[in-house]
Amino acid sequence: MKTTSLPSVYRFSLFLLVGLLLLGSNQTAEAKDPINLTFGIYTSVKPTAMIKKFRPLTRAIEKNMSGELNRKVNIQFKVAPTYEAGITNITKGQVDFSRFGPASYIEALKENDKILLLAAESKKGSKIAQGVICVREDSPIKTVADLKGKSFAFGSELSTIGRYLSQHHLLENGVTATNLSEYEYLGRHDAVGAAVGAGRFDAGALKEKTFNKLKSSGTPLRELARFPNAPQSWIAREGLDEEVQGALKKALFSITDEKALGAINADELVSGDPGDYVLVRTAMEKNEEFFQ
């Protein structure tokens, strides 16, 4: 049988078509490669509890970002043992995004002013949260001024509520480090509440949600006073890809899952503004007065 070969022009066209198909196949495969992000948090409570708390949120973010970018997004955790380590992780680009308390956000800006404020947490239309000064349920202490001569448990030395705002509130009520019988930084909010409930300290400062959780679980605590706090902030590292950054921001604003939002005691995530943090910045700038 006689075989008829294709004219050279047709052979060239066929090779070109096959090449384009292969190139397109490779590009499609590359486009479907997952985006892997690292979410940084620090231990305001136990590390295992932190991951459990934030997993519903990161799953919601993964889902929202994957839909926006048309690519699978995976988020892994990096839990810092201290506030300081958590700040370093975001300012040095060792994580892609983080959730910080106001004081940590301000400290991070001092180290790297190129980090980006993605979103702030809001509840019932307000970005203002609350801190609580608590005493043991059977304590005779009635007012903040009564804490003179008493012992006090603070959280981390970089905590917004656990240090700066609570010390500012004590100062405004005439209580300073010099007229406390003793004070100590215990690191985590839950550790503060547990120590006060056990009678190790006369009083302590912690966030409202942790206070409510400990109280409902049977820890004998009583609220002595409360004070306003700035919103929790969500921050992206310097140099994060702009498309990914935009999708992340949109994903945060799009979270509606009640379980995910309930874990952070918020109704929604909204646009953040540096002006939201003036109260905390003032407390930090005046903090030395508490020790004089």
C-alpha atoms as a PDB file:
ATOM      1  CA  MET A   1       0.000   0.000   0.000  1.00  0.00           C
ATOM      2  CA  LYS A   2       1.289   3.428  -0.923  1.00  0.00           C
ATOM      3  CA  THR A   3       1.672   5.852   1.994  1.00  0.00           C
ATOM      4  CA  THR A   4       1.060   9.524   1.341  1.00  0.00           C
ATOM      5  CA  SER A   5       3.012  11.828   3.589  1.00  0.00           C
ATOM      6  CA  LEU A   6       1.597  15.144   4.720  1.00  0.00           C
ATOM      7  CA  PRO A   7       2.950  18.266   3.065  1.00  0.00           C
ATOM      8  CA  SER A   8       5.565  19.995   5.182  1.00  0.00           C
ATOM      9  CA  VAL A   9       3.307  22.961   5.883  1.00  0.00           C
ATOM     10  CA  TYR A  10       0.680  20.636   7.400  1.00  0.00           C
ATOM     11  CA  ARG A  11       3.277  18.759   9.427  1.00  0.00           C
ATOM     12  CA  PHE A  12       4.530  22.053  10.850  1.00  0.00           C
ATOM     13  CA  SER A  13       0.997  23.123  11.723  1.00  0.00           C
ATOM     14  CA  LEU A  14       0.354  19.802  13.453  1.00  0.00           C
ATOM     15  CA  PHE A  15       3.552  20.034  15.495  1.00  0.00           C
ATOM     16  CA  LEU A  16       2.692  23.610  16.435  1.00  0.00           C
ATOM     17  CA  LEU A  17      -0.796  22.592  17.562  1.00  0.00           C
ATOM     18  CA  VAL A  18       0.526  19.719  19.670  1.00  0.00           C
ATOM     19  CA  GLY A  19       3.130  22.031  21.222  1.00  0.00           C
ATOM     20  CA  LEU A  20       0.521  24.614  22.101  1.00  0.00           C
ATOM     21  CA  LEU A  21      -1.693  21.957  23.649  1.00  0.00           C
ATOM     22  CA  LEU A  22       1.183  20.670  25.766  1.00  0.00           C
ATOM     23  CA  LEU A  23       2.133  24.201  26.803  1.00  0.00           C
ATOM     24  CA  GLY A  24      -1.466  24.947  27.728  1.00  0.00           C
ATOM     25  CA  SER A  25      -1.642  21.721  29.681  1.00  0.00           C
ATOM     26  CA  ASN A  26       1.468  22.668  31.667  1.00  0.00           C
ATOM     27  CA  GLN A  27       0.176  26.178  32.310  1.00  0.00           C
ATOM     28  CA  THR A  28      -3.164  24.785  33.499  1.00  0.00           C
ATOM     29  CA  ALA A  29      -1.371  22.433  35.850  1.00  0.00           C
ATOM     30  CA  GLU A  30       0.706  25.299  37.196  1.00  0.00           C
ATOM     31  CA  ALA A  31      -2.386  27.459  37.667  1.00  0.00           C
ATOM     32  CA  LYS A  32      -3.936  24.706  39.777  1.00  0.00           C
ATOM     33  CA  ASP A  33      -0.973  24.443  42.119  1.00  0.00           C
ATOM     34  CA  PRO A  34      -2.214  25.240  45.646  1.00  0.00           C
ATOM     35  CA  ILE A  35      -1.362  28.441  47.466  1.00  0.00           C
ATOM     36  CA  ASN A  36       0.136  27.677  50.861  1.00  0.00           C
ATOM     37  CA  LEU A  37      -0.101  30.343  53.547  1.00  0.00           C
ATOM     38  CA  THR A  38       1.085  30.426  57.154  1.00  0.00           C
ATOM     39  CA  PHE A  39      -1.121  31.963  59.823  1.00  0.00           C
ATOM     40  CA  GLY A  40       0.728  33.249  62.891  1.00  0.00           C
ATOM     41  CA  ILE A  41      -0.781  33.409  66.359  1.00  0.00           C
ATOM     42  CA  TYR A  42       0.646  33.674  69.858  1.00  0.00           C
ATOM     43  CA  THR A  43      -0.432  31.826  72.965  1.00  0.00           C
ATOM     44  CA  SER A  44      -2.909  33.972  74.898  1.00  0.00           C
ATOM     45  CA  VAL A  45      -4.272  30.564  75.996  1.00  0.00           C
ATOM     46  CA  LYS A  46      -2.882  27.022  75.583  1.00  0.00           C
ATOM     47  CA  PRO A  47      -1.384  26.359  72.100  1.00  0.00           C
ATOM     48  CA  THR A  48      -3.698  23.408  71.438  1.00  0.00           C
ATOM     49  CA  ALA A  49      -6.678  25.539  72.403  1.00  0.00           C
ATOM     50  CA  MET A  50      -5.486  28.300  70.067  1.00  0.00           C
ATOM     51  CA  ILE A  51      -5.404  25.963  67.062  1.00  0.00           C
ATOM     52  CA  LYS A  52      -8.787  24.482  67.924  1.00  0.00           C
ATOM     53  CA  LYS A  53     -10.193  27.987  68.336  1.00  0.00           C
ATOM     54  CA  PHE A  54      -8.945  29.302  65.000  1.00  0.00           C
ATOM     55  CA  ARG A  55      -9.409  26.209  62.806  1.00  0.00           C
ATOM     56  CA  PRO A  56     -13.035  27.086  61.831  1.00  0.00           C
ATOM     57  CA  LEU A  57     -11.835  30.573  60.844  1.00  0.00           C
ATOM     58  CA  THR A  58      -8.936  29.365  58.722  1.00  0.00           C
ATOM     59  CA  ARG A  59     -11.193  26.853  56.997  1.00  0.00           C
ATOM     60  CA  ALA A  60     -13.611  29.657  56.134  1.00  0.00           C
ATOM     61  CA  ILE A  61     -10.712  31.758  54.830  1.00  0.00           C
ATOM     62  CA  GLU A  62      -9.408  28.836  52.747  1.00  0.00           C
ATOM     63  CA  LYS A  63     -12.842  28.322  51.210  1.00  0.00           C
ATOM     64  CA  ASN A  64     -13.401  32.006  50.441  1.00  0.00           C
ATOM     65  CA  MET A  65      -9.920  32.523  49.003  1.00  0.00           C
ATOM     66  CA  SER A  66     -10.066  29.362  46.900  1.00  0.00           C
ATOM     67  CA  GLY A  67     -13.284  30.583  45.302  1.00  0.00           C
ATOM     68  CA  GLU A  68     -11.870  34.044  44.694  1.00  0.00           C
ATOM     69  CA  LEU A  69      -8.554  32.870  43.197  1.00  0.00           C
ATOM     70  CA  ASN A  70      -9.896  29.721  41.519  1.00  0.00           C
ATOM     71  CA  ARG A  71      -7.060  27.824  43.188  1.00  0.00           C
ATOM     72  CA  LYS A  72      -6.899  25.686  46.270  1.00  0.00           C
ATOM     73  CA  VAL A  73      -5.625  27.574  49.310  1.00  0.00           C
ATOM     74  CA  ASN A  74      -4.069  25.795  52.293  1.00  0.00           C
ATOM     75  CA  ILE A  75      -3.415  27.523  55.602  1.00  0.00           C
ATOM     76  CA  GLN A  76      -1.083  26.114  58.226  1.00  0.00           C
ATOM     77  CA  PHE A  77      -0.496  27.409  61.752  1.00  0.00           C
ATOM     78  CA  LYS A  78       2.622  28.758  63.387  1.00  0.00           C
ATOM     79  CA  VAL A  79       1.985  29.219  67.106  1.00  0.00           C
ATOM     80  CA  ALA A  80       4.487  31.485  68.829  1.00  0.00           C
ATOM     81  CA  PRO A  81       5.239  30.728  72.493  1.00  0.00           C
ATOM     82  CA  THR A  82       5.288  34.431  73.416  1.00  0.00           C
ATOM     83  CA  TYR A  83       3.866  37.740  72.223  1.00  0.00           C
ATOM     84  CA  GLU A  84       7.393  38.857  71.325  1.00  0.00           C
ATOM     85  CA  ALA A  85       7.958  35.823  69.095  1.00  0.00           C
ATOM     86  CA  GLY A  86       4.582  36.364  67.428  1.00  0.00           C
ATOM     87  CA  ILE A  87       5.509  39.951  66.589  1.00  0.00           C
ATOM     88  CA  THR A  88       8.880  38.890  65.187  1.00  0.00           C
ATOM     89  CA  ASN A  89       7.221  36.240  63.014  1.00  0.00           C
ATOM     90  CA  ILE A  90       5.120  38.823  61.149  1.00  0.00           C
ATOM     91  CA  THR A  91       7.673  41.659  61.045  1.00  0.00           C
ATOM     92  CA  LYS A  92      10.380  39.341  59.680  1.00  0.00           C
ATOM     93  CA  GLY A  93       8.049  37.708  57.171  1.00  0.00           C
ATOM     94  CA  GLN A  94       8.143  34.278  58.814  1.00  0.00           C
ATOM     95  CA  VAL A  95       4.342  34.066  58.582  1.00  0.00           C
ATOM     96  CA  ASP A  96       2.024  35.465  55.918  1.00  0.00           C
ATOM     97  CA  PHE A  97      -0.662  36.911  58.161  1.00  0.00           C
ATOM     98  CA  SER A  98      -1.479  37.162  61.851  1.00  0.00           C
ATOM     99  CA  ARG A  99      -4.151  38.151  64.311  1.00  0.00           C
ATOM    100  CA  PHE A 100      -2.908  40.554  66.976  1.00  0.00           C
ATOM    101  CA  GLY A 101      -4.175  42.414  69.954  1.00  0.00           C
ATOM    102  CA  PRO A 102      -3.891  46.206  69.655  1.00  0.00           C
ATOM    103  CA  ALA A 103      -0.651  46.586  71.659  1.00  0.00           C
ATOM    104  CA  SER A 104       1.057  43.865  69.631  1.00  0.00           C
ATOM    105  CA  TYR A 105      -0.064  45.550  66.403  1.00  0.00           C
ATOM    106  CA  ILE A 106       1.424  48.871  67.578  1.00  0.00           C
ATOM    107  CA  GLU A 107       4.677  47.165  68.593  1.00  0.00           C
ATOM    108  CA  ALA A 108       4.823  45.357  65.235  1.00  0.00           C
ATOM    109  CA  LEU A 109       4.411  48.669  63.387  1.00  0.00           C
ATOM    110  CA  LYS A 110       7.392  50.043  65.286  1.00  0.00           C
ATOM    111  CA  GLU A 111       9.513  47.145  64.013  1.00  0.00           C
ATOM    112  CA  ASN A 112       8.188  47.174  60.441  1.00  0.00           C
ATOM    113  CA  ASP A 113       5.907  49.943  59.195  1.00  0.00           C
ATOM    114  CA  LYS A 114       5.336  48.067  55.910  1.00  0.00           C
ATOM    115  CA  ILE A 115       3.002  45.490  57.452  1.00  0.00           C
ATOM    116  CA  LEU A 116      -0.604  45.903  56.307  1.00  0.00           C
ATOM    117  CA  LEU A 117      -3.721  46.176  58.456  1.00  0.00           C
ATOM    118  CA  LEU A 118      -6.163  43.877  56.655  1.00  0.00           C
ATOM    119  CA  ALA A 119      -9.205  43.942  58.923  1.00  0.00           C
ATOM    120  CA  ALA A 120     -10.530  44.595  62.418  1.00  0.00           C
ATOM    121  CA  GLU A 121     -13.039  42.592  64.434  1.00  0.00           C
ATOM    122  CA  SER A 122     -16.478  44.003  65.155  1.00  0.00           C
ATOM    123  CA  LYS A 123     -19.376  42.939  67.369  1.00  0.00           C
ATOM    124  CA  LYS A 124     -22.867  44.418  67.353  1.00  0.00           C
ATOM    125  CA  GLY A 125     -21.664  47.165  65.046  1.00  0.00           C
ATOM    126  CA  SER A 126     -18.788  48.203  67.310  1.00  0.00           C
ATOM    127  CA  LYS A 127     -15.064  47.561  67.061  1.00  0.00           C
ATOM    128  CA  ILE A 128     -14.646  48.271  70.788  1.00  0.00           C
ATOM    129  CA  ALA A 129     -14.006  45.239  73.008  1.00  0.00           C
ATOM    130  CA  GLN A 130     -13.797  45.070  76.801  1.00  0.00           C
ATOM    131  CA  GLY A 131     -11.190  44.172  79.395  1.00  0.00           C
ATOM    132  CA  VAL A 132     -12.089  43.023  82.897  1.00  0.00           C
ATOM    133  CA  ILE A 133     -10.428  43.409  86.288  1.00  0.00           C
ATOM    134  CA  CYS A 134     -11.621  40.519  88.413  1.00  0.00           C
ATOM    135  CA  VAL A 135     -11.376  39.382  92.017  1.00  0.00           C
ATOM    136  CA  ARG A 136     -12.306  36.137  93.703  1.00  0.00           C
ATOM    137  CA  GLU A 137     -16.068  35.742  94.121  1.00  0.00           C
ATOM    138  CA  ASP A 138     -15.910  35.990  97.926  1.00  0.00           C
ATOM    139  CA  SER A 139     -13.398  38.860  97.981  1.00  0.00           C
ATOM    140  CA  PRO A 140     -14.228  41.856 100.229  1.00  0.00           C
ATOM    141  CA  ILE A 141     -12.716  44.220  97.619  1.00  0.00           C
ATOM    142  CA  LYS A 142     -15.413  46.557  96.272  1.00  0.00           C
ATOM    143  CA  THR A 143     -13.634  49.183  94.155  1.00  0.00           C
ATOM    144  CA  VAL A 144     -10.440  49.501  92.122  1.00  0.00           C
ATOM    145  CA  ALA A 145      -9.088  51.931  94.720  1.00  0.00           C
ATOM    146  CA  ASP A 146      -9.377  49.128  97.290  1.00  0.00           C
ATOM    147  CA  LEU A 147      -6.582  47.294  95.458  1.00  0.00           C
ATOM    148  CA  LYS A 148      -3.938  49.419  97.180  1.00  0.00           C
ATOM    149  CA  GLY A 149      -1.857  47.068  99.272  1.00  0.00           C
ATOM    150  CA  LYS A 150      -3.196  44.021  97.400  1.00  0.00           C
ATOM    151  CA  SER A 151      -1.582  41.609  94.924  1.00  0.00           C
ATOM    152  CA  PHE A 152      -2.324  41.731  91.201  1.00  0.00           C
ATOM    153  CA  ALA A 153      -1.895  39.283  88.294  1.00  0.00           C
ATOM    154  CA  PHE A 154      -1.202  40.728  84.855  1.00  0.00           C
ATOM    155  CA  GLY A 155      -1.010  38.807  81.561  1.00  0.00           C
ATOM    156  CA  SER A 156       1.879  39.144  79.148  1.00  0.00           C
ATOM    157  CA  GLU A 157       4.180  42.152  79.366  1.00  0.00           C
ATOM    158  CA  LEU A 158       3.058  42.979  75.804  1.00  0.00           C
ATOM    159  CA  SER A 159      -0.650  42.317  76.330  1.00  0.00           C
ATOM    160  CA  THR A 160      -3.102  45.127  75.591  1.00  0.00           C
ATOM    161  CA  ILE A 161      -5.584  44.157  78.307  1.00  0.00           C
ATOM    162  CA  GLY A 162      -3.232  42.075  80.421  1.00  0.00           C
ATOM    163  CA  ARG A 163      -0.831  44.972  80.865  1.00  0.00           C
ATOM    164  CA  TYR A 164      -1.192  48.363  79.187  1.00  0.00           C
ATOM    165  CA  LEU A 165      -4.910  49.097  79.504  1.00  0.00           C
ATOM    166  CA  SER A 166      -5.314  47.485  82.920  1.00  0.00           C
ATOM    167  CA  GLN A 167      -2.308  49.379  84.318  1.00  0.00           C
ATOM    168  CA  HIS A 168      -3.669  52.590  82.800  1.00  0.00           C
ATOM    169  CA  HIS A 169      -7.037  51.932  84.480  1.00  0.00           C
ATOM    170  CA  LEU A 170      -5.359  51.225  87.821  1.00  0.00           C
ATOM    171  CA  LEU A 171      -3.337  54.427  87.480  1.00  0.00           C
ATOM    172  CA  GLU A 172      -6.470  56.473  86.824  1.00  0.00           C
ATOM    173  CA  ASN A 173      -7.870  55.103  90.097  1.00  0.00           C
ATOM    174  CA  GLY A 174      -4.777  55.929  92.134  1.00  0.00           C
ATOM    175  CA  VAL A 175      -3.268  52.440  92.139  1.00  0.00           C
ATOM    176  CA  THR A 176       0.340  52.067  91.024  1.00  0.00           C
ATOM    177  CA  ALA A 177       3.006  49.383  91.022  1.00  0.00           C
ATOM    178  CA  THR A 178       4.522  50.901  94.170  1.00  0.00           C
ATOM    179  CA  ASN A 179       1.350  50.612  96.255  1.00  0.00           C
ATOM    180  CA  LEU A 180       0.502  47.057  95.227  1.00  0.00           C
ATOM    181  CA  SER A 181       1.807  44.469  97.684  1.00  0.00           C
ATOM    182  CA  GLU A 182       3.085  42.439  94.716  1.00  0.00           C
ATOM    183  CA  TYR A 183       2.383  41.846  91.056  1.00  0.00           C
ATOM    184  CA  GLU A 184       3.381  39.294  88.451  1.00  0.00           C
ATOM    185  CA  TYR A 185       3.035  38.724  84.700  1.00  0.00           C
ATOM    186  CA  LEU A 186       1.512  35.282  84.121  1.00  0.00           C
ATOM    187  CA  GLY A 187       1.519  35.337  80.320  1.00  0.00           C
ATOM    188  CA  ARG A 188      -1.968  34.101  79.431  1.00  0.00           C
ATOM    189  CA  HIS A 189      -5.442  35.412  80.182  1.00  0.00           C
ATOM    190  CA  ASP A 190      -6.685  32.022  81.366  1.00  0.00           C
ATOM    191  CA  ALA A 191      -3.713  31.710  83.724  1.00  0.00           C
ATOM    192  CA  VAL A 192      -4.602  35.076  85.267  1.00  0.00           C
ATOM    193  CA  GLY A 193      -8.217  34.076  85.878  1.00  0.00           C
ATOM    194  CA  ALA A 194      -7.234  30.690  87.292  1.00  0.00           C
ATOM    195  CA  ALA A 195      -4.701  32.290  89.668  1.00  0.00           C
ATOM    196  CA  VAL A 196      -7.226  34.807  90.994  1.00  0.00           C
ATOM    197  CA  GLY A 197      -9.881  32.116  91.345  1.00  0.00           C
ATOM    198  CA  ALA A 198      -7.442  29.953  93.307  1.00  0.00           C
ATOM    199  CA  GLY A 199      -6.630  32.828  95.673  1.00  0.00           C
ATOM    200  CA  ARG A 200      -3.011  33.240  94.572  1.00  0.00           C
ATOM    201  CA  PHE A 201      -3.668  36.907  93.744  1.00  0.00           C
ATOM    202  CA  ASP A 202      -6.245  39.362  95.032  1.00  0.00           C
ATOM    203  CA  ALA A 203      -7.095  40.603  91.535  1.00  0.00           C
ATOM    204  CA  GLY A 204      -6.130  40.288  87.891  1.00  0.00           C
ATOM    205  CA  ALA A 205      -6.810  41.603  84.374  1.00  0.00           C
ATOM    206  CA  LEU A 206      -8.062  39.512  81.476  1.00  0.00           C
ATOM    207  CA  LYS A 207     -10.248  39.778  78.406  1.00  0.00           C
ATOM    208  CA  GLU A 208     -14.009  39.659  78.841  1.00  0.00           C
ATOM    209  CA  LYS A 209     -14.503  36.451  76.879  1.00  0.00           C
ATOM    210  CA  THR A 210     -11.962  34.515  78.946  1.00  0.00           C
ATOM    211  CA  PHE A 211     -13.509  35.884  82.153  1.00  0.00           C
ATOM    212  CA  ASN A 212     -16.969  34.736  81.063  1.00  0.00           C
ATOM    213  CA  LYS A 213     -15.675  31.315  79.997  1.00  0.00           C
ATOM    214  CA  LEU A 214     -13.859  30.705  83.293  1.00  0.00           C
ATOM    215  CA  LYS A 215     -16.818  31.898  85.324  1.00  0.00           C
ATOM    216  CA  SER A 216     -19.263  29.673  83.449  1.00  0.00           C
ATOM    217  CA  SER A 217     -16.957  26.686  84.008  1.00  0.00           C
ATOM    218  CA  GLY A 218     -17.072  27.219  87.770  1.00  0.00           C
ATOM    219  CA  THR A 219     -14.024  29.372  88.526  1.00  0.00           C
ATOM    220  CA  PRO A 220     -15.135  31.601  91.439  1.00  0.00           C
ATOM    221  CA  LEU A 221     -14.598  35.039  89.919  1.00  0.00           C
ATOM    222  CA  ARG A 222     -16.368  38.373  90.216  1.00  0.00           C
ATOM    223  CA  GLU A 223     -16.043  41.389  87.939  1.00  0.00           C
ATOM    224  CA  LEU A 224     -14.640  44.395  89.759  1.00  0.00           C
ATOM    225  CA  ALA A 225     -14.313  46.787  86.822  1.00  0.00           C
ATOM    226  CA  ARG A 226     -14.141  46.901  83.053  1.00  0.00           C
ATOM    227  CA  PHE A 227     -12.477  49.164  80.515  1.00  0.00           C
ATOM    228  CA  PRO A 228     -12.690  49.636  76.721  1.00  0.00           C
ATOM    229  CA  ASN A 229     -10.205  48.080  74.343  1.00  0.00           C
ATOM    230  CA  ALA A 230      -9.374  48.656  70.661  1.00  0.00           C
ATOM    231  CA  PRO A 231     -10.270  45.925  68.138  1.00  0.00           C
ATOM    232  CA  GLN A 232      -8.270  42.818  67.410  1.00  0.00           C
ATOM    233  CA  SER A 233      -6.344  43.321  64.193  1.00  0.00           C
ATOM    234  CA  TRP A 234      -5.601  41.044  61.215  1.00  0.00           C
ATOM    235  CA  ILE A 235      -2.274  41.860  59.591  1.00  0.00           C
ATOM    236  CA  ALA A 236      -0.400  40.797  56.445  1.00  0.00           C
ATOM    237  CA  ARG A 237       3.369  40.655  56.183  1.00  0.00           C
ATOM    238  CA  GLU A 238       5.376  43.009  54.030  1.00  0.00           C
ATOM    239  CA  GLY A 239       5.698  41.770  50.445  1.00  0.00           C
ATOM    240  CA  LEU A 240       2.749  39.384  50.367  1.00  0.00           C
ATOM    241  CA  ASP A 241       1.642  38.947  46.744  1.00  0.00           C
ATOM    242  CA  GLU A 242      -0.917  41.674  45.934  1.00  0.00           C
ATOM    243  CA  GLU A 243      -3.439  39.300  44.377  1.00  0.00           C
ATOM    244  CA  VAL A 244      -3.217  36.957  47.354  1.00  0.00           C
ATOM    245  CA  GLN A 245      -3.370  39.912  49.734  1.00  0.00           C
ATOM    246  CA  GLY A 246      -6.521  41.234  48.067  1.00  0.00           C
ATOM    247  CA  ALA A 247      -8.178  37.810  48.117  1.00  0.00           C
ATOM    248  CA  LEU A 248      -7.263  37.364  51.782  1.00  0.00           C
ATOM    249  CA  LYS A 249      -8.766  40.708  52.703  1.00  0.00           C
ATOM    250  CA  LYS A 250     -11.943  39.941  50.767  1.00  0.00           C
ATOM    251  CA  ALA A 251     -12.097  36.487  52.369  1.00  0.00           C
ATOM    252  CA  LEU A 252     -11.941  37.995  55.847  1.00  0.00           C
ATOM    253  CA  PHE A 253     -14.772  40.412  55.079  1.00  0.00           C
ATOM    254  CA  SER A 254     -16.829  37.534  53.629  1.00  0.00           C
ATOM    255  CA  ILE A 255     -16.785  35.269  56.693  1.00  0.00           C
ATOM    256  CA  THR A 256     -20.334  34.638  57.886  1.00  0.00           C
ATOM    257  CA  ASP A 257     -19.961  31.281  59.632  1.00  0.00           C
ATOM    258  CA  GLU A 258     -21.290  31.810  63.176  1.00  0.00           C
ATOM    259  CA  LYS A 259     -19.037  29.146  64.688  1.00  0.00           C
ATOM    260  CA  ALA A 260     -15.944  30.699  63.136  1.00  0.00           C
ATOM    261  CA  LEU A 261     -16.852  34.231  64.231  1.00  0.00           C
ATOM    262  CA  GLY A 262     -18.051  33.068  67.646  1.00  0.00           C
ATOM    263  CA  ALA A 263     -14.588  31.685  68.341  1.00  0.00           C
ATOM    264  CA  ILE A 264     -13.210  35.241  68.316  1.00  0.00           C
ATOM    265  CA  ASN A 265     -16.303  36.800  69.897  1.00  0.00           C
ATOM    266  CA  ALA A 266     -17.089  38.858  66.787  1.00  0.00           C
ATOM    267  CA  ASP A 267     -20.013  39.279  64.409  1.00  0.00           C
ATOM    268  CA  GLU A 268     -17.928  40.281  61.403  1.00  0.00           C
ATOM    269  CA  LEU A 269     -14.566  41.505  60.205  1.00  0.00           C
ATOM    270  CA  VAL A 270     -14.505  45.038  58.842  1.00  0.00           C
ATOM    271  CA  SER A 271     -12.017  47.608  57.591  1.00  0.00           C
ATOM    272  CA  GLY A 272      -9.466  48.637  60.188  1.00  0.00           C
ATOM    273  CA  ASP A 273      -8.148  52.145  60.748  1.00  0.00           C
ATOM    274  CA  PRO A 274      -5.007  53.253  62.604  1.00  0.00           C
ATOM    275  CA  GLY A 275      -7.210  55.740  64.449  1.00  0.00           C
ATOM    276  CA  ASP A 276      -8.929  52.830  66.190  1.00  0.00           C
ATOM    277  CA  TYR A 277      -5.771  52.296  68.243  1.00  0.00           C
ATOM    278  CA  VAL A 278      -5.249  55.787  69.707  1.00  0.00           C
ATOM    279  CA  LEU A 279      -6.557  54.701  73.127  1.00  0.00           C
ATOM    280  CA  VAL A 280      -4.045  51.868  73.359  1.00  0.00           C
ATOM    281  CA  ARG A 281      -1.191  53.965  72.005  1.00  0.00           C
ATOM    282  CA  THR A 282      -1.886  56.544  74.737  1.00  0.00           C
ATOM    283  CA  ALA A 283      -1.897  53.873  77.447  1.00  0.00           C
ATOM    284  CA  MET A 284       1.413  52.516  76.164  1.00  0.00           C
ATOM    285  CA  GLU A 285       3.016  55.965  76.050  1.00  0.00           C
ATOM    286  CA  LYS A 286       1.933  56.696  79.631  1.00  0.00           C
ATOM    287  CA  ASN A 287       2.794  53.255  80.970  1.00  0.00           C
ATOM    288  CA  GLU A 288       5.935  54.418  82.757  1.00  0.00           C
ATOM    289  CA  GLU A 289       3.773  56.545  85.054  1.00  0.00           C
ATOM    290  CA  PHE A 290       2.312  53.347  86.554  1.00  0.00           C
ATOM    291  CA  PHE A 291       5.771  52.434  87.862  1.00  0.00           C
ATOM    292  CA  GLN A 292       6.717  55.855  89.267  1.00  0.00           C
END
